[in-house]
């Protein structure tokens, strides 16, 4: 059971990493399309498409004819991103502090 829990968290972190890699490419290369994103990141296009959809739902990017572009909300998110990642890292460190007798 616990393996399932840790696998789920691991999967979520992997997906977060993918979303951030895609967002980084959009920020640095906007406008950018799915095929170019897949080529640049080595992420399959169906996963790129999913990440773009998530990022668009969060208001961080929007679709345009030549490809994905950032929005007004992107910069404020990026300013808070390091703090959010540090919070995740702290939570991970806290997990290491839980010592259970074996």
C-alpha atoms as a PDB file:
ATOM      1  CA  UNK A   1       0.000   0.000   0.000  1.00  0.00           C
ATOM      2  CA  UNK A   2       2.706   2.535   0.929  1.00  0.00           C
ATOM      3  CA  UNK A   3       4.466   1.819  -2.359  1.00  0.00           C
ATOM      4  CA  UNK A   4       1.318   2.966  -4.140  1.00  0.00           C
ATOM      5  CA  UNK A   5       1.342   6.189  -2.109  1.00  0.00           C
ATOM      6  CA  UNK A   6       4.957   6.979  -2.868  1.00  0.00           C
ATOM      7  CA  UNK A   7       4.541   6.065  -6.540  1.00  0.00           C
ATOM      8  CA  UNK A   8       1.632   8.479  -6.796  1.00  0.00           C
ATOM      9  CA  UNK A   9       3.673  11.331  -5.297  1.00  0.00           C
ATOM     10  CA  UNK A  10       6.603  10.445  -7.536  1.00  0.00           C
ATOM     11  CA  UNK A  11       4.329  10.500 -10.575  1.00  0.00           C
ATOM     12  CA  UNK A  12       2.923  13.882  -9.590  1.00  0.00           C
ATOM     13  CA  UNK A  13       6.423  15.315  -9.175  1.00  0.00           C
ATOM     14  CA  UNK A  14       7.415  13.941 -12.570  1.00  0.00           C
ATOM     15  CA  UNK A  15       4.367  15.579 -14.130  1.00  0.00           C
ATOM     16  CA  UNK A  16       5.120  18.884 -12.369  1.00  0.00           C
ATOM     17  CA  UNK A  17       8.652  18.727 -13.705  1.00  0.00           C
ATOM     18  CA  UNK A  18       7.330  18.148 -17.226  1.00  0.00           C
ATOM     19  CA  UNK A  19       4.892  21.071 -16.943  1.00  0.00           C
ATOM     20  CA  UNK A  20       7.713  23.351 -15.779  1.00  0.00           C
ATOM     21  CA  UNK A  21      10.040  22.219 -18.587  1.00  0.00           C
ATOM     22  CA  UNK A  22       7.290  23.016 -21.096  1.00  0.00           C
ATOM     23  CA  UNK A  23       6.574  26.383 -19.434  1.00  0.00           C
ATOM     24  CA  UNK A  24      10.300  27.226 -19.536  1.00  0.00           C
ATOM     25  CA  UNK A  25      10.368  26.558 -23.278  1.00  0.00           C
ATOM     26  CA  UNK A  26       7.287  28.717 -23.851  1.00  0.00           C
ATOM     27  CA  UNK A  27       8.783  31.572 -21.800  1.00  0.00           C
ATOM     28  CA  UNK A  28      12.104  31.386 -23.651  1.00  0.00           C
ATOM     29  CA  UNK A  29      10.816  30.675 -27.173  1.00  0.00           C
ATOM     30  CA  UNK A  30       7.280  32.015 -27.490  1.00  0.00           C
ATOM     31  CA  UNK A  31       5.384  31.529 -29.660  1.00  0.00           C
ATOM     32  CA  UNK A  32       6.153  27.823 -29.858  1.00  0.00           C
ATOM     33  CA  UNK A  33       4.107  24.918 -31.172  1.00  0.00           C
ATOM     34  CA  UNK A  34       3.622  21.354 -29.991  1.00  0.00           C
ATOM     35  CA  UNK A  35       5.986  19.743 -32.489  1.00  0.00           C
ATOM     36  CA  UNK A  36       8.816  22.162 -31.696  1.00  0.00           C
ATOM     37  CA  UNK A  37       8.235  21.690 -27.955  1.00  0.00           C
ATOM     38  CA  UNK A  38       8.344  17.910 -28.348  1.00  0.00           C
ATOM     39  CA  UNK A  39      11.536  18.160 -30.406  1.00  0.00           C
ATOM     40  CA  UNK A  40      13.276  20.571 -28.017  1.00  0.00           C
ATOM     41  CA  UNK A  41      12.307  18.748 -24.820  1.00  0.00           C
ATOM     42  CA  UNK A  42      12.359  15.140 -26.061  1.00  0.00           C
ATOM     43  CA  UNK A  43       8.897  14.754 -24.499  1.00  0.00           C
ATOM     44  CA  UNK A  44       6.302  12.865 -26.585  1.00  0.00           C
ATOM     45  CA  UNK A  45       3.828  15.201 -28.290  1.00  0.00           C
ATOM     46  CA  UNK A  46       0.797  13.708 -26.478  1.00  0.00           C
ATOM     47  CA  UNK A  47       2.420  14.581 -23.134  1.00  0.00           C
ATOM     48  CA  UNK A  48       3.369  18.048 -24.414  1.00  0.00           C
ATOM     49  CA  UNK A  49      -0.256  18.559 -25.454  1.00  0.00           C
ATOM     50  CA  UNK A  50      -1.467  17.549 -21.969  1.00  0.00           C
ATOM     51  CA  UNK A  51       1.029  19.875 -20.253  1.00  0.00           C
ATOM     52  CA  UNK A  52      -0.018  22.747 -22.506  1.00  0.00           C
ATOM     53  CA  UNK A  53      -3.654  22.112 -21.617  1.00  0.00           C
ATOM     54  CA  UNK A  54      -2.845  22.136 -17.872  1.00  0.00           C
ATOM     55  CA  UNK A  55      -0.740  25.300 -18.183  1.00  0.00           C
ATOM     56  CA  UNK A  56      -3.530  26.973 -20.155  1.00  0.00           C
ATOM     57  CA  UNK A  57      -6.145  25.972 -17.555  1.00  0.00           C
ATOM     58  CA  UNK A  58      -3.895  27.532 -14.894  1.00  0.00           C
ATOM     59  CA  UNK A  59      -3.775  30.745 -16.915  1.00  0.00           C
ATOM     60  CA  UNK A  60      -0.005  30.584 -17.427  1.00  0.00           C
ATOM     61  CA  UNK A  61      -0.084  30.277 -21.221  1.00  0.00           C
ATOM     62  CA  UNK A  62      -2.565  30.768 -24.016  1.00  0.00           C
ATOM     63  CA  UNK A  63      -2.870  29.395 -27.512  1.00  0.00           C
ATOM     64  CA  UNK A  64      -2.146  31.579 -30.512  1.00  0.00           C
ATOM     65  CA  UNK A  65      -1.991  30.816 -34.225  1.00  0.00           C
ATOM     66  CA  UNK A  66       1.834  30.487 -34.268  1.00  0.00           C
ATOM     67  CA  UNK A  67       1.940  28.574 -30.961  1.00  0.00           C
ATOM     68  CA  UNK A  68       1.754  28.847 -27.184  1.00  0.00           C
ATOM     69  CA  UNK A  69       2.533  32.204 -25.577  1.00  0.00           C
ATOM     70  CA  UNK A  70       2.740  33.437 -21.983  1.00  0.00           C
ATOM     71  CA  UNK A  71       0.026  35.472 -20.279  1.00  0.00           C
ATOM     72  CA  UNK A  72      -0.031  38.379 -17.857  1.00  0.00           C
ATOM     73  CA  UNK A  73      -0.086  35.848 -14.986  1.00  0.00           C
ATOM     74  CA  UNK A  74       3.103  34.048 -16.009  1.00  0.00           C
ATOM     75  CA  UNK A  75       5.572  36.489 -14.443  1.00  0.00           C
ATOM     76  CA  UNK A  76       3.840  36.595 -11.057  1.00  0.00           C
ATOM     77  CA  UNK A  77       3.771  32.779 -11.008  1.00  0.00           C
ATOM     78  CA  UNK A  78       7.477  32.623 -11.863  1.00  0.00           C
ATOM     79  CA  UNK A  79       8.275  35.040  -9.021  1.00  0.00           C
ATOM     80  CA  UNK A  80       6.601  32.666  -6.553  1.00  0.00           C
ATOM     81  CA  UNK A  81       7.882  29.438  -8.109  1.00  0.00           C
ATOM     82  CA  UNK A  82      11.165  29.165  -6.188  1.00  0.00           C
ATOM     83  CA  UNK A  83       9.308  29.515  -2.895  1.00  0.00           C
ATOM     84  CA  UNK A  84       6.810  26.839  -3.890  1.00  0.00           C
ATOM     85  CA  UNK A  85       9.602  24.444  -4.868  1.00  0.00           C
ATOM     86  CA  UNK A  86      11.485  25.178  -1.641  1.00  0.00           C
ATOM     87  CA  UNK A  87       8.305  24.322   0.273  1.00  0.00           C
ATOM     88  CA  UNK A  88       8.101  20.965  -1.523  1.00  0.00           C
ATOM     89  CA  UNK A  89      11.765  20.302  -0.760  1.00  0.00           C
ATOM     90  CA  UNK A  90      11.185  21.114   2.925  1.00  0.00           C
ATOM     91  CA  UNK A  91       8.296  18.687   3.063  1.00  0.00           C
ATOM     92  CA  UNK A  92      10.524  16.014   1.543  1.00  0.00           C
ATOM     93  CA  UNK A  93      13.210  16.738   4.142  1.00  0.00           C
ATOM     94  CA  UNK A  94      10.567  16.419   6.867  1.00  0.00           C
ATOM     95  CA  UNK A  95       9.699  12.947   5.551  1.00  0.00           C
ATOM     96  CA  UNK A  96      13.313  11.896   6.044  1.00  0.00           C
ATOM     97  CA  UNK A  97      13.055  12.906   9.702  1.00  0.00           C
ATOM     98  CA  UNK A  98      10.324  10.375  10.382  1.00  0.00           C
ATOM     99  CA  UNK A  99      12.179   7.453  11.895  1.00  0.00           C
ATOM    100  CA  UNK A 100      10.233   4.255  12.304  1.00  0.00           C
ATOM    101  CA  UNK A 101      11.755   1.294  14.160  1.00  0.00           C
ATOM    102  CA  UNK A 102      12.354  -1.714  11.939  1.00  0.00           C
END
